[in-house]
């Protein structure tokens, strides 16, 4: 099976076909597939739609989704997350789809992590007491930095070596 995809004489990569520690990145791919499927499915429930409304409303990046209404904005995000899951899964066989899916994951988690800063009341900044304190919502959002980093690693691992010169075989 061909595990590389040539675009302008560059070769994208698939972790499942790699050697050594690079091959272990396949575990991260499948964990992210499970995460995106579960997050995507949840967006089709009323409870989830109500729960994410405050983040969408206050986001400079996705507040435009409100044109679809409460349930519609959640559906759009759910479809996007399920699409990312499908691209990541297909990325086990297609290096280009791996790169596209992981890049979409990077964008997704960069936006959701921005909610930590754009949603009022999530973080309380203070010079006199705790320098930074967040509530349970903030704790929930803060973990997205790890998921963002996983998607960055998957994206960089999918790129041709000429794009990421520090990566070894």
C-alpha atoms as a PDB file:
ATOM      1  CA  UNK A   1       0.000   0.000   0.000  1.00  0.00           C
ATOM      2  CA  UNK A   2       1.334   3.446  -0.882  1.00  0.00           C
ATOM      3  CA  UNK A   3       1.594   5.478   2.311  1.00  0.00           C
ATOM      4  CA  UNK A   4       2.709   8.781   0.877  1.00  0.00           C
ATOM      5  CA  UNK A   5       0.983  11.345  -1.287  1.00  0.00           C
ATOM      6  CA  UNK A   6       3.069  13.460  -3.637  1.00  0.00           C
ATOM      7  CA  UNK A   7       2.164  17.105  -4.125  1.00  0.00           C
ATOM      8  CA  UNK A   8       4.737  19.143  -6.025  1.00  0.00           C
ATOM      9  CA  UNK A   9       7.441  16.562  -5.262  1.00  0.00           C
ATOM     10  CA  UNK A  10       6.649  16.506  -1.543  1.00  0.00           C
ATOM     11  CA  UNK A  11       5.553  13.430   0.318  1.00  0.00           C
ATOM     12  CA  UNK A  12       2.943  13.590   3.072  1.00  0.00           C
ATOM     13  CA  UNK A  13       3.128  10.930   5.801  1.00  0.00           C
ATOM     14  CA  UNK A  14       0.885   8.542   7.719  1.00  0.00           C
ATOM     15  CA  UNK A  15       1.910   7.612  11.264  1.00  0.00           C
ATOM     16  CA  UNK A  16       0.536   4.074  10.935  1.00  0.00           C
ATOM     17  CA  UNK A  17       3.105   3.386   8.227  1.00  0.00           C
ATOM     18  CA  UNK A  18       6.009   5.025  10.049  1.00  0.00           C
ATOM     19  CA  UNK A  19       8.873   3.510  11.953  1.00  0.00           C
ATOM     20  CA  UNK A  20       9.845   3.637  15.623  1.00  0.00           C
ATOM     21  CA  UNK A  21       8.335   6.331  17.798  1.00  0.00           C
ATOM     22  CA  UNK A  22       6.703   7.974  14.780  1.00  0.00           C
ATOM     23  CA  UNK A  23       4.412   4.937  14.453  1.00  0.00           C
ATOM     24  CA  UNK A  24       3.148   5.508  18.005  1.00  0.00           C
ATOM     25  CA  UNK A  25       1.478   8.713  16.842  1.00  0.00           C
ATOM     26  CA  UNK A  26      -1.235   6.457  15.423  1.00  0.00           C
ATOM     27  CA  UNK A  27      -2.487   6.091  19.013  1.00  0.00           C
ATOM     28  CA  UNK A  28      -3.015   9.849  19.179  1.00  0.00           C
ATOM     29  CA  UNK A  29      -4.914   9.795  15.892  1.00  0.00           C
ATOM     30  CA  UNK A  30      -7.414   7.198  17.103  1.00  0.00           C
ATOM     31  CA  UNK A  31      -7.856   8.918  20.472  1.00  0.00           C
ATOM     32  CA  UNK A  32      -8.673  12.128  18.606  1.00  0.00           C
ATOM     33  CA  UNK A  33     -11.130  10.254  16.368  1.00  0.00           C
ATOM     34  CA  UNK A  34     -12.967   9.018  19.480  1.00  0.00           C
ATOM     35  CA  UNK A  35     -12.920  12.510  21.011  1.00  0.00           C
ATOM     36  CA  UNK A  36     -14.245  14.196  17.862  1.00  0.00           C
ATOM     37  CA  UNK A  37     -16.967  11.558  17.387  1.00  0.00           C
ATOM     38  CA  UNK A  38     -18.129  11.926  21.004  1.00  0.00           C
ATOM     39  CA  UNK A  39     -17.998  15.742  20.900  1.00  0.00           C
ATOM     40  CA  UNK A  40     -19.767  15.772  17.524  1.00  0.00           C
ATOM     41  CA  UNK A  41     -22.584  13.477  18.615  1.00  0.00           C
ATOM     42  CA  UNK A  42     -23.154  15.529  21.770  1.00  0.00           C
ATOM     43  CA  UNK A  43     -23.777  18.658  19.690  1.00  0.00           C
ATOM     44  CA  UNK A  44     -27.060  17.134  18.504  1.00  0.00           C
ATOM     45  CA  UNK A  45     -28.579  17.254  21.997  1.00  0.00           C
ATOM     46  CA  UNK A  46     -30.485  20.219  23.426  1.00  0.00           C
ATOM     47  CA  UNK A  47     -28.391  20.129  26.589  1.00  0.00           C
ATOM     48  CA  UNK A  48     -25.161  20.541  24.615  1.00  0.00           C
ATOM     49  CA  UNK A  49     -26.654  23.264  22.421  1.00  0.00           C
ATOM     50  CA  UNK A  50     -27.654  25.208  25.523  1.00  0.00           C
ATOM     51  CA  UNK A  51     -24.280  24.564  27.150  1.00  0.00           C
ATOM     52  CA  UNK A  52     -22.186  25.949  24.303  1.00  0.00           C
ATOM     53  CA  UNK A  53     -24.393  28.967  23.557  1.00  0.00           C
ATOM     54  CA  UNK A  54     -22.492  31.248  25.954  1.00  0.00           C
ATOM     55  CA  UNK A  55     -19.183  30.384  24.302  1.00  0.00           C
ATOM     56  CA  UNK A  56     -20.486  30.967  20.781  1.00  0.00           C
ATOM     57  CA  UNK A  57     -22.160  34.253  21.672  1.00  0.00           C
ATOM     58  CA  UNK A  58     -18.945  35.680  23.154  1.00  0.00           C
ATOM     59  CA  UNK A  59     -16.529  34.333  20.556  1.00  0.00           C
ATOM     60  CA  UNK A  60     -15.065  36.780  18.055  1.00  0.00           C
ATOM     61  CA  UNK A  61     -14.413  33.787  15.772  1.00  0.00           C
ATOM     62  CA  UNK A  62     -17.721  31.903  15.654  1.00  0.00           C
ATOM     63  CA  UNK A  63     -20.387  34.258  17.002  1.00  0.00           C
ATOM     64  CA  UNK A  64     -21.687  34.443  13.410  1.00  0.00           C
ATOM     65  CA  UNK A  65     -23.066  30.906  13.928  1.00  0.00           C
ATOM     66  CA  UNK A  66     -25.954  32.467  15.881  1.00  0.00           C
ATOM     67  CA  UNK A  67     -27.656  33.103  12.517  1.00  0.00           C
ATOM     68  CA  UNK A  68     -28.563  29.390  12.628  1.00  0.00           C
ATOM     69  CA  UNK A  69     -30.305  29.640  16.012  1.00  0.00           C
ATOM     70  CA  UNK A  70     -29.507  27.736  19.197  1.00  0.00           C
ATOM     71  CA  UNK A  71     -29.869  24.227  17.784  1.00  0.00           C
ATOM     72  CA  UNK A  72     -28.530  25.134  14.335  1.00  0.00           C
ATOM     73  CA  UNK A  73     -25.238  26.503  15.608  1.00  0.00           C
ATOM     74  CA  UNK A  74     -24.701  23.302  17.606  1.00  0.00           C
ATOM     75  CA  UNK A  75     -25.590  21.193  14.563  1.00  0.00           C
ATOM     76  CA  UNK A  76     -23.038  23.060  12.417  1.00  0.00           C
ATOM     77  CA  UNK A  77     -20.348  22.402  15.019  1.00  0.00           C
ATOM     78  CA  UNK A  78     -21.438  18.774  15.385  1.00  0.00           C
ATOM     79  CA  UNK A  79     -21.199  18.176  11.646  1.00  0.00           C
ATOM     80  CA  UNK A  80     -17.780  19.865  11.594  1.00  0.00           C
ATOM     81  CA  UNK A  81     -16.518  17.682  14.449  1.00  0.00           C
ATOM     82  CA  UNK A  82     -17.837  14.492  12.865  1.00  0.00           C
ATOM     83  CA  UNK A  83     -16.204  15.532   9.585  1.00  0.00           C
ATOM     84  CA  UNK A  84     -12.891  16.026  11.383  1.00  0.00           C
ATOM     85  CA  UNK A  85     -13.267  12.575  12.958  1.00  0.00           C
ATOM     86  CA  UNK A  86     -13.888  11.054   9.527  1.00  0.00           C
ATOM     87  CA  UNK A  87     -10.891  12.866   8.012  1.00  0.00           C
ATOM     88  CA  UNK A  88      -8.631  11.745  10.860  1.00  0.00           C
ATOM     89  CA  UNK A  89      -9.821   8.152  10.502  1.00  0.00           C
ATOM     90  CA  UNK A  90      -9.333   8.251   6.735  1.00  0.00           C
ATOM     91  CA  UNK A  91      -5.956   9.833   7.420  1.00  0.00           C
ATOM     92  CA  UNK A  92      -4.721   6.449   8.611  1.00  0.00           C
ATOM     93  CA  UNK A  93      -4.784   5.496   4.920  1.00  0.00           C
ATOM     94  CA  UNK A  94      -4.438   8.847   3.162  1.00  0.00           C
ATOM     95  CA  UNK A  95      -1.636  11.176   4.249  1.00  0.00           C
ATOM     96  CA  UNK A  96      -3.266  14.251   2.742  1.00  0.00           C
ATOM     97  CA  UNK A  97      -6.524  13.575   4.620  1.00  0.00           C
ATOM     98  CA  UNK A  98      -4.433  13.126   7.777  1.00  0.00           C
ATOM     99  CA  UNK A  99      -2.950  16.587   7.296  1.00  0.00           C
ATOM    100  CA  UNK A 100      -6.319  18.185   6.497  1.00  0.00           C
ATOM    101  CA  UNK A 101      -8.116  16.532   9.427  1.00  0.00           C
ATOM    102  CA  UNK A 102      -5.424  17.363  11.941  1.00  0.00           C
ATOM    103  CA  UNK A 103      -5.214  20.974  10.714  1.00  0.00           C
ATOM    104  CA  UNK A 104      -8.984  21.280  11.116  1.00  0.00           C
ATOM    105  CA  UNK A 105      -8.524  19.876  14.643  1.00  0.00           C
ATOM    106  CA  UNK A 106      -5.914  22.561  15.345  1.00  0.00           C
ATOM    107  CA  UNK A 107      -8.333  25.276  14.240  1.00  0.00           C
ATOM    108  CA  UNK A 108     -11.161  23.730  16.284  1.00  0.00           C
ATOM    109  CA  UNK A 109      -9.189  23.564  19.523  1.00  0.00           C
ATOM    110  CA  UNK A 110      -7.570  26.955  18.996  1.00  0.00           C
ATOM    111  CA  UNK A 111     -11.070  28.427  18.802  1.00  0.00           C
ATOM    112  CA  UNK A 112     -12.428  26.462  21.757  1.00  0.00           C
ATOM    113  CA  UNK A 113      -9.370  27.309  23.840  1.00  0.00           C
ATOM    114  CA  UNK A 114      -9.951  30.990  23.043  1.00  0.00           C
ATOM    115  CA  UNK A 115     -13.250  30.682  24.942  1.00  0.00           C
ATOM    116  CA  UNK A 116     -11.096  30.661  28.088  1.00  0.00           C
ATOM    117  CA  UNK A 117     -10.353  34.326  27.366  1.00  0.00           C
ATOM    118  CA  UNK A 118     -13.502  35.480  25.561  1.00  0.00           C
ATOM    119  CA  UNK A 119     -16.262  34.089  27.799  1.00  0.00           C
ATOM    120  CA  UNK A 120     -17.075  36.485  30.644  1.00  0.00           C
ATOM    121  CA  UNK A 121     -16.765  35.105  34.166  1.00  0.00           C
ATOM    122  CA  UNK A 122     -14.662  32.072  33.241  1.00  0.00           C
ATOM    123  CA  UNK A 123     -11.397  33.613  34.439  1.00  0.00           C
ATOM    124  CA  UNK A 124     -10.836  36.146  37.182  1.00  0.00           C
ATOM    125  CA  UNK A 125      -7.497  37.947  36.825  1.00  0.00           C
ATOM    126  CA  UNK A 126      -6.117  39.450  40.021  1.00  0.00           C
ATOM    127  CA  UNK A 127      -2.895  41.096  41.065  1.00  0.00           C
ATOM    128  CA  UNK A 128      -3.665  41.017  44.783  1.00  0.00           C
ATOM    129  CA  UNK A 129      -4.887  37.437  45.304  1.00  0.00           C
ATOM    130  CA  UNK A 130      -4.473  34.447  43.047  1.00  0.00           C
ATOM    131  CA  UNK A 131      -2.899  35.742  39.825  1.00  0.00           C
ATOM    132  CA  UNK A 132      -5.308  33.644  37.810  1.00  0.00           C
ATOM    133  CA  UNK A 133      -8.347  31.760  38.993  1.00  0.00           C
ATOM    134  CA  UNK A 134     -10.986  30.023  36.938  1.00  0.00           C
ATOM    135  CA  UNK A 135     -14.275  28.321  37.621  1.00  0.00           C
ATOM    136  CA  UNK A 136     -15.324  24.815  36.552  1.00  0.00           C
ATOM    137  CA  UNK A 137     -16.116  26.054  33.060  1.00  0.00           C
ATOM    138  CA  UNK A 138     -12.606  27.468  32.836  1.00  0.00           C
ATOM    139  CA  UNK A 139     -11.139  24.172  33.993  1.00  0.00           C
ATOM    140  CA  UNK A 140     -13.173  22.364  31.344  1.00  0.00           C
ATOM    141  CA  UNK A 141     -11.932  24.704  28.606  1.00  0.00           C
ATOM    142  CA  UNK A 142      -8.329  24.823  29.824  1.00  0.00           C
ATOM    143  CA  UNK A 143      -7.770  21.139  28.973  1.00  0.00           C
ATOM    144  CA  UNK A 144      -8.301  21.963  25.314  1.00  0.00           C
ATOM    145  CA  UNK A 145      -4.710  23.210  25.183  1.00  0.00           C
ATOM    146  CA  UNK A 146      -3.626  19.559  25.372  1.00  0.00           C
ATOM    147  CA  UNK A 147      -6.005  18.538  22.582  1.00  0.00           C
ATOM    148  CA  UNK A 148      -4.765  21.484  20.519  1.00  0.00           C
ATOM    149  CA  UNK A 149      -1.178  20.296  20.985  1.00  0.00           C
ATOM    150  CA  UNK A 150      -2.092  16.721  19.995  1.00  0.00           C
ATOM    151  CA  UNK A 151      -3.610  18.000  16.753  1.00  0.00           C
ATOM    152  CA  UNK A 152      -0.514  20.156  16.116  1.00  0.00           C
ATOM    153  CA  UNK A 153       1.714  17.082  16.573  1.00  0.00           C
ATOM    154  CA  UNK A 154      -0.478  15.029  14.209  1.00  0.00           C
ATOM    155  CA  UNK A 155      -0.449  17.826  11.653  1.00  0.00           C
ATOM    156  CA  UNK A 156       3.322  18.268  11.765  1.00  0.00           C
ATOM    157  CA  UNK A 157       3.821  14.497  11.582  1.00  0.00           C
ATOM    158  CA  UNK A 158       1.668  14.388   8.426  1.00  0.00           C
ATOM    159  CA  UNK A 159       3.693  17.012   6.607  1.00  0.00           C
ATOM    160  CA  UNK A 160       6.599  16.203   4.308  1.00  0.00           C
ATOM    161  CA  UNK A 161      10.011  16.158   5.969  1.00  0.00           C
ATOM    162  CA  UNK A 162      11.040  19.143   3.857  1.00  0.00           C
ATOM    163  CA  UNK A 163       8.394  21.200   5.721  1.00  0.00           C
ATOM    164  CA  UNK A 164       9.425  19.936   9.169  1.00  0.00           C
ATOM    165  CA  UNK A 165      13.215  19.499   8.919  1.00  0.00           C
ATOM    166  CA  UNK A 166      13.731  18.562  12.580  1.00  0.00           C
ATOM    167  CA  UNK A 167      11.659  15.395  12.203  1.00  0.00           C
ATOM    168  CA  UNK A 168      13.646  12.188  11.820  1.00  0.00           C
ATOM    169  CA  UNK A 169      12.560   9.132   9.846  1.00  0.00           C
END
